[in-house]
C-alpha atoms as a PDB file:
ATOM      1  CA  MET A   1       9.594  18.904  -5.878  1.00  0.00           C
ATOM      2  CA  PHE A   2      10.700  16.462  -3.151  1.00  0.00           C
ATOM      3  CA  GLY A   3      14.123  15.590  -4.569  1.00  0.00           C
ATOM      4  CA  ASN A   4      16.058  18.091  -2.457  1.00  0.00           C
ATOM      5  CA  MET A   5      14.519  17.016   0.848  1.00  0.00           C
ATOM      6  CA  PRO A   6      16.542  13.954   1.941  1.00  0.00           C
ATOM      7  CA  ASN A   7      15.314  14.128   5.563  1.00  0.00           C
ATOM      8  CA  LEU A   8      11.612  14.365   4.751  1.00  0.00           C
ATOM      9  CA  LYS A   9       9.589  12.120   7.081  1.00  0.00           C
ATOM     10  CA  GLU A  10       5.997  13.053   6.319  1.00  0.00           C
ATOM     11  CA  VAL A  11       3.956  14.140   3.293  1.00  0.00           C
ATOM     12  CA  VAL A  12       0.233  14.673   3.868  1.00  0.00           C
ATOM     13  CA  GLN A  13      -1.910  16.028   1.010  1.00  0.00           C
ATOM     14  CA  PHE A  14      -5.524  14.883   1.433  1.00  0.00           C
ATOM     15  CA  GLY A  15      -8.118  15.941  -1.111  1.00  0.00           C
ATOM     16  CA  HIS A  16      -6.116  18.585  -2.954  1.00  0.00           C
ATOM     17  CA  LYS A  17      -7.115  17.300  -6.404  1.00  0.00           C
ATOM     18  CA  LEU A  18      -3.514  16.529  -7.285  1.00  0.00           C
ATOM     19  CA  THR A  19      -3.636  15.456 -10.929  1.00  0.00           C
ATOM     20  CA  ARG A  20      -0.371  13.798 -11.791  1.00  0.00           C
ATOM     21  CA  SER A  21       1.354  10.469 -11.506  1.00  0.00           C
ATOM     22  CA  MET A  22       3.075   9.392  -8.314  1.00  0.00           C
ATOM     23  CA  PRO A  23       6.073  11.662  -7.689  1.00  0.00           C
ATOM     24  CA  ARG A  24       9.088   9.454  -8.509  1.00  0.00           C
ATOM     25  CA  GLU A  25      11.381  11.632  -6.433  1.00  0.00           C
ATOM     26  CA  LEU A  26       9.686  10.261  -3.319  1.00  0.00           C
ATOM     27  CA  ALA A  27      11.466   6.973  -4.051  1.00  0.00           C
ATOM     28  CA  ASN A  28      14.611   8.518  -2.559  1.00  0.00           C
ATOM     29  CA  GLY A  29      12.851   8.930   0.776  1.00  0.00           C
ATOM     30  CA  SER A  30      14.660   6.452   3.015  1.00  0.00           C
ATOM     31  CA  THR A  31      13.606   8.578   6.011  1.00  0.00           C
ATOM     32  CA  MET A  32       9.932   8.715   4.945  1.00  0.00           C
ATOM     33  CA  GLU A  33       7.580   7.437   7.665  1.00  0.00           C
ATOM     34  CA  ASP A  34       4.187   8.795   6.598  1.00  0.00           C
ATOM     35  CA  LEU A  35       3.048   9.235   2.974  1.00  0.00           C
ATOM     36  CA  GLU A  36      -0.583  10.297   2.649  1.00  0.00           C
ATOM     37  CA  LEU A  37      -1.747  11.393  -0.796  1.00  0.00           C
ATOM     38  CA  ALA A  38      -5.290  10.087  -0.458  1.00  0.00           C
ATOM     39  CA  ASN A  39      -8.474  11.378  -2.064  1.00  0.00           C
ATOM     40  CA  ASN A  40      -6.763  13.154  -4.937  1.00  0.00           C
ATOM     41  CA  GLU A  41      -6.719  12.416  -8.656  1.00  0.00           C
ATOM     42  CA  LEU A  42      -3.329  10.748  -8.920  1.00  0.00           C
ATOM     43  CA  SER A  43      -3.187   8.489 -11.955  1.00  0.00           C
ATOM     44  CA  GLY A  44      -0.917   5.995 -13.623  1.00  0.00           C
ATOM     45  CA  SER A  45       0.831   3.089 -12.026  1.00  0.00           C
ATOM     46  CA  LEU A  46       2.938   2.976  -8.908  1.00  0.00           C
ATOM     47  CA  PRO A  47       6.602   2.946 -10.023  1.00  0.00           C
ATOM     48  CA  PRO A  48       8.033  -0.577  -9.662  1.00  0.00           C
ATOM     49  CA  ASP A  49      11.010   0.670  -7.644  1.00  0.00           C
ATOM     50  CA  MET A  50       9.179   3.279  -5.588  1.00  0.00           C
ATOM     51  CA  PHE A  51       9.337   1.624  -2.167  1.00  0.00           C
ATOM     52  CA  GLY A  52      12.678  -0.219  -2.231  1.00  0.00           C
ATOM     53  CA  ASN A  53      14.416   2.259   0.090  1.00  0.00           C
ATOM     54  CA  MET A  54      11.435   3.158   2.255  1.00  0.00           C
ATOM     55  CA  THR A  55      12.131   0.728   5.094  1.00  0.00           C
ATOM     56  CA  ASN A  56      10.988   3.318   7.679  1.00  0.00           C
ATOM     57  CA  LEU A  57       7.579   3.823   6.061  1.00  0.00           C
ATOM     58  CA  LYS A  58       4.798   3.207   8.598  1.00  0.00           C
ATOM     59  CA  VAL A  59       1.784   4.784   6.885  1.00  0.00           C
ATOM     60  CA  LEU A  60       0.927   4.680   3.177  1.00  0.00           C
ATOM     61  CA  MET A  61      -2.458   6.128   2.276  1.00  0.00           C
ATOM     62  CA  LEU A  62      -3.176   6.388  -1.448  1.00  0.00           C
ATOM     63  CA  TRP A  63      -6.895   5.536  -1.341  1.00  0.00           C
ATOM     64  CA  GLY A  64      -9.410   7.352  -3.514  1.00  0.00           C
ATOM     65  CA  ASN A  65      -7.186   8.091  -6.501  1.00  0.00           C
ATOM     66  CA  LYS A  66      -7.079   6.739 -10.052  1.00  0.00           C
ATOM     67  CA  LEU A  67      -4.013   4.553  -9.704  1.00  0.00           C
ATOM     68  CA  THR A  68      -3.717   1.647 -12.139  1.00  0.00           C
ATOM     69  CA  GLY A  69      -1.435  -1.322 -12.654  1.00  0.00           C
ATOM     70  CA  SER A  70      -0.212  -3.779 -10.099  1.00  0.00           C
ATOM     71  CA  ILE A  71       1.006  -3.364  -6.547  1.00  0.00           C
ATOM     72  CA  PRO A  72       4.822  -3.174  -6.709  1.00  0.00           C
ATOM     73  CA  ARG A  73       6.757  -6.103  -5.258  1.00  0.00           C
ATOM     74  CA  ASP A  74       9.172  -3.791  -3.478  1.00  0.00           C
ATOM     75  CA  LEU A  75       6.373  -2.661  -1.164  1.00  0.00           C
ATOM     76  CA  ALA A  76       7.414  -5.753   0.825  1.00  0.00           C
ATOM     77  CA  ASN A  77      10.556  -3.815   1.815  1.00  0.00           C
ATOM     78  CA  CYS A  78       8.452  -1.541   4.006  1.00  0.00           C
ATOM     79  CA  ILE A  79       9.049  -3.711   7.056  1.00  0.00           C
ATOM     80  CA  ASN A  80       7.773  -1.090   9.533  1.00  0.00           C
ATOM     81  CA  MET A  81       4.405  -0.655   7.794  1.00  0.00           C
ATOM     82  CA  GLU A  82       1.472  -0.260  10.181  1.00  0.00           C
ATOM     83  CA  ASN A  83      -1.221   1.227   7.959  1.00  0.00           C
ATOM     84  CA  LEU A  84      -1.488   0.385   4.240  1.00  0.00           C
ATOM     85  CA  GLN A  85      -4.468   1.848   2.399  1.00  0.00           C
ATOM     86  CA  LEU A  86      -4.695   1.536  -1.391  1.00  0.00           C
ATOM     87  CA  ALA A  87      -8.495   1.256  -1.533  1.00  0.00           C
ATOM     88  CA  ASN A  88     -10.761   2.640  -4.244  1.00  0.00           C
ATOM     89  CA  ASN A  89      -8.294   2.873  -7.086  1.00  0.00           C
ATOM     90  CA  GLU A  90      -8.073   0.771 -10.245  1.00  0.00           C
ATOM     91  CA  LEU A  91      -5.213  -1.468  -9.154  1.00  0.00           C
ATOM     92  CA  SER A  92      -5.183  -4.859 -10.848  1.00  0.00           C
ATOM     93  CA  GLY A  93      -3.261  -8.103 -10.938  1.00  0.00           C
ATOM     94  CA  SER A  94      -2.480 -10.373  -8.052  1.00  0.00           C
ATOM     95  CA  LEU A  95      -1.019  -9.442  -4.702  1.00  0.00           C
ATOM     96  CA  PRO A  96       2.737 -10.014  -4.745  1.00  0.00           C
ATOM     97  CA  PRO A  97       3.706 -13.306  -3.083  1.00  0.00           C
ATOM     98  CA  ASP A  98       5.603 -12.823   0.168  1.00  0.00           C
ATOM     99  CA  MET A  99       4.341  -9.242   0.352  1.00  0.00           C
ATOM    100  CA  PHE A 100       3.360  -9.434   4.006  1.00  0.00           C
ATOM    101  CA  GLY A 101       6.064 -11.765   5.343  1.00  0.00           C
ATOM    102  CA  ASN A 102       8.040  -8.996   7.042  1.00  0.00           C
ATOM    103  CA  MET A 103       5.165  -6.606   7.779  1.00  0.00           C
ATOM    104  CA  THR A 104       4.630  -7.941  11.279  1.00  0.00           C
ATOM    105  CA  ASN A 105       3.544  -4.493  12.579  1.00  0.00           C
ATOM    106  CA  LEU A 106       0.716  -4.150  10.037  1.00  0.00           C
ATOM    107  CA  LYS A 107      -2.529  -3.151  11.790  1.00  0.00           C
ATOM    108  CA  GLU A 108      -4.658  -1.826   8.914  1.00  0.00           C
ATOM    109  CA  LEU A 109      -4.810  -3.199   5.374  1.00  0.00           C
ATOM    110  CA  ARG A 110      -7.427  -1.692   3.077  1.00  0.00           C
ATOM    111  CA  LEU A 111      -7.316  -2.849  -0.533  1.00  0.00           C
ATOM    112  CA  LEU A 112     -11.070  -2.816  -1.178  1.00  0.00           C
ATOM    113  CA  GLY A 113     -12.588  -1.409  -4.352  1.00  0.00           C
ATOM    114  CA  ASN A 114      -9.869  -2.332  -6.823  1.00  0.00           C
ATOM    115  CA  LYS A 115      -9.586  -4.996  -9.525  1.00  0.00           C
ATOM    116  CA  LEU A 116      -7.195  -7.317  -7.715  1.00  0.00           C
ATOM    117  CA  THR A 117      -7.214 -10.981  -8.741  1.00  0.00           C
ATOM    118  CA  GLY A 118      -5.628 -14.192  -7.581  1.00  0.00           C
ATOM    119  CA  SER A 119      -5.425 -15.502  -4.064  1.00  0.00           C
ATOM    120  CA  ILE A 120      -4.672 -13.868  -0.754  1.00  0.00           C
ATOM    121  CA  PRO A 121      -0.992 -14.511   0.094  1.00  0.00           C
ATOM    122  CA  SER A 122      -0.579 -17.000   2.919  1.00  0.00           C
ATOM    123  CA  ASP A 123       2.057 -14.826   4.584  1.00  0.00           C
ATOM    124  CA  LEU A 124      -0.730 -12.448   5.605  1.00  0.00           C
ATOM    125  CA  ALA A 125      -0.895 -14.762   8.633  1.00  0.00           C
ATOM    126  CA  ASN A 126       2.364 -13.150   9.839  1.00  0.00           C
ATOM    127  CA  CYS A 127       0.499  -9.906  10.519  1.00  0.00           C
ATOM    128  CA  ASN A 128      -0.362 -10.735  14.118  1.00  0.00           C
ATOM    129  CA  ASN A 129      -1.229  -7.110  14.970  1.00  0.00           C
ATOM    130  CA  MET A 130      -3.944  -6.811  12.295  1.00  0.00           C
ATOM    131  CA  GLU A 131      -7.007  -4.882  13.480  1.00  0.00           C
ATOM    132  CA  ASP A 132      -8.664  -3.825  10.208  1.00  0.00           C
ATOM    133  CA  LEU A 133      -8.567  -6.012   7.079  1.00  0.00           C
ATOM    134  CA  GLN A 134     -10.667  -4.881   4.083  1.00  0.00           C
ATOM    135  CA  LEU A 135     -10.317  -6.776   0.811  1.00  0.00           C
ATOM    136  CA  LEU A 136     -13.883  -6.752  -0.533  1.00  0.00           C
ATOM    137  CA  ASN A 137     -14.995  -5.514  -3.965  1.00  0.00           C
ATOM    138  CA  ASN A 138     -12.070  -7.104  -5.762  1.00  0.00           C
ATOM    139  CA  GLU A 139     -11.861 -10.282  -7.804  1.00  0.00           C
ATOM    140  CA  LEU A 140      -9.781 -12.206  -5.286  1.00  0.00           C
ATOM    141  CA  LEU A 141     -10.245 -15.958  -5.227  1.00  0.00           C
ATOM    142  CA  GLU A 142     -11.959 -17.254  -2.171  1.00  0.00           C
ATOM    143  CA  CYS A 143      -9.438 -18.965  -0.012  1.00  0.00           C
ATOM    144  CA  PRO A 144      -9.449 -19.693   3.673  1.00  0.00           C
ATOM    145  CA  LEU A 145      -8.201 -16.839   5.792  1.00  0.00           C
ATOM    146  CA  PRO A 146      -5.841 -17.638   8.632  1.00  0.00           C
ATOM    147  CA  GLU A 147      -7.727 -18.429  11.835  1.00  0.00           C
ATOM    148  CA  GLN A 148      -6.815 -15.146  13.580  1.00  0.00           C
ATOM    149  CA  PHE A 149      -8.582 -13.104  10.868  1.00  0.00           C
ATOM    150  CA  ARG A 150     -11.866 -14.972  10.876  1.00  0.00           C
ATOM    151  CA  ILE A 151     -13.180 -12.990  13.830  1.00  0.00           C
ATOM    152  CA  LEU A 152     -12.200  -9.545  12.496  1.00  0.00           C
END
């Protein structure tokens, strides 16, 4: 569906009851800036190589689906990310180490309502522009948040 659109910058499909796995052809989207497939019925895991070429991605909204598995390590390649919302899925496992090290523009991070375990990566402290951090309703270990997030 998206494979023949190499210049695609934005895909927005809120609440359309899409019932499939994540479209793998989106992985070719090096120009993609905004990917919003929230509040659908997407299922399965996020492909492990989905985000490797998406360095221009600023907005990723996949909340309110039925996504399972872990958060892919290559999401860390999205160095221009400003808004990352994977809330209310069935994602599990720990957050990839060094996931946030290069996401210095990140303003919103919503991972609440999943089954994430482990500790919060210390490189989250690099996200100096953070305005909205929601991690509750997971199984994350309590660990001290960086000082700048304690007042959020």
